Amino acid sequence: MTKLMELIECYRTAGCKAEHNAYKEAVVAEVERLKKDAARYRWLREYLPSDDTSCDEAIVAALTPEELDAAIDAALENTNEDQSI
């Protein structure tokens, strides 16, 4: 069972209102984390087969999953800034 499904089950079966609210917050946080991961994947899926090489160095230099996430997050931020101009 995934973390999200476990949290939803705990939320569904919570006894008191405080416990219910705590699990609700945990579910929302997990959904936000998953949305961020999905955005990274979608960006990478579009970037890799493209002719754009602007982020190649940062992606290749990443030695850990966290460094790769940071490189993609920076690219996403730059993309969002470019779109808002």
Protein backbone atom coordinates (compact mmCIF):
# COMPACT_ATOMS: atom_id res chain seq x y z
CA MET A 1 0.00 0.00 0.00
CA THR A 2 1.35 3.44 -0.87
CA LYS A 3 1.96 6.12 1.73
CA LEU A 4 -0.96 8.13 0.38
CA MET A 5 -3.34 5.19 0.61
CA GLU A 6 -2.20 4.48 4.18
CA LEU A 7 -2.79 8.10 5.15
CA ILE A 8 -6.23 8.10 3.55
CA GLU A 9 -7.16 4.94 5.45
CA CYS A 10 -5.97 6.49 8.73
CA TYR A 11 -7.91 9.66 7.89
CA ARG A 12 -11.01 7.62 7.13
CA THR A 13 -10.84 5.65 10.38
CA ALA A 14 -9.60 8.41 12.72
CA GLY A 15 -11.39 8.45 16.03
CA CYS A 16 -11.39 12.04 17.23
CA LYS A 17 -11.56 15.33 15.39
CA ALA A 18 -7.95 16.27 16.26
CA GLU A 19 -6.68 12.95 14.92
CA HIS A 20 -8.88 13.35 11.85
CA ASN A 21 -7.48 16.85 11.20
CA ALA A 22 -3.88 15.67 11.64
CA TYR A 23 -4.36 12.94 9.05
CA LYS A 24 -6.11 15.40 6.73
CA GLU A 25 -3.07 17.68 6.88
CA ALA A 26 -0.78 14.71 6.23
CA VAL A 27 -2.86 13.67 3.20
CA VAL A 28 -2.74 17.20 1.78
CA ALA A 29 1.04 17.39 2.31
CA GLU A 30 1.56 14.02 0.61
CA VAL A 31 -0.60 15.07 -2.35
CA GLU A 32 1.45 18.26 -2.71
CA ARG A 33 4.69 16.24 -2.62
CA LEU A 34 3.34 13.91 -5.30
CA LYS A 35 2.22 16.86 -7.46
CA LYS A 36 5.74 18.32 -7.26
CA ASP A 37 7.23 14.97 -8.28
CA ALA A 38 4.77 14.75 -11.17
CA ALA A 39 5.72 18.25 -12.35
CA ARG A 40 9.40 17.25 -12.29
CA TYR A 41 8.65 14.15 -14.32
CA ARG A 42 6.59 16.10 -16.88
CA TRP A 43 9.36 18.68 -17.25
CA LEU A 44 12.03 15.99 -17.67
CA ARG A 45 9.83 14.10 -20.16
CA GLU A 46 9.61 17.23 -22.31
CA TYR A 47 13.23 18.35 -21.83
CA LEU A 48 15.14 15.15 -22.56
CA PRO A 49 13.97 14.56 -26.15
CA SER A 50 14.16 18.28 -27.01
CA ASP A 51 17.02 20.24 -28.59
CA ASP A 52 17.30 22.37 -25.44
CA THR A 53 20.62 21.78 -23.70
CA SER A 54 20.45 24.62 -21.17
CA CYS A 55 20.09 22.28 -18.17
CA ASP A 56 22.26 19.38 -19.30
CA GLU A 57 25.22 20.32 -17.10
CA ALA A 58 23.14 20.57 -13.92
CA ILE A 59 21.31 17.31 -14.63
CA VAL A 60 24.48 15.35 -15.40
CA ALA A 61 26.30 16.86 -12.40
CA ALA A 62 23.60 15.69 -9.98
CA LEU A 63 25.02 12.91 -7.82
CA THR A 64 21.96 12.22 -5.70
CA PRO A 65 18.21 12.15 -6.27
CA GLU A 66 17.95 15.30 -4.15
CA GLU A 67 20.47 17.12 -6.35
CA LEU A 68 18.57 16.05 -9.46
CA ASP A 69 15.33 17.30 -7.89
CA ALA A 70 17.03 20.64 -7.13
CA ALA A 71 18.32 20.95 -10.71
CA ILE A 72 14.87 20.24 -12.14
CA ASP A 73 13.21 22.58 -9.62
CA ALA A 74 15.57 25.37 -10.72
CA ALA A 75 14.74 24.69 -14.37
CA LEU A 76 11.02 24.68 -13.58
CA GLU A 77 11.38 27.98 -11.75
CA ASN A 78 13.19 29.50 -14.73
CA THR A 79 10.51 28.15 -17.05
CA ASN A 80 7.77 29.68 -14.88
CA GLU A 81 9.59 33.02 -14.77
CA ASP A 82 9.97 33.01 -18.57
CA GLN A 83 6.26 32.30 -19.01
CA SER A 84 5.21 35.13 -16.71
CA ILE A 85 7.08 37.76 -18.76
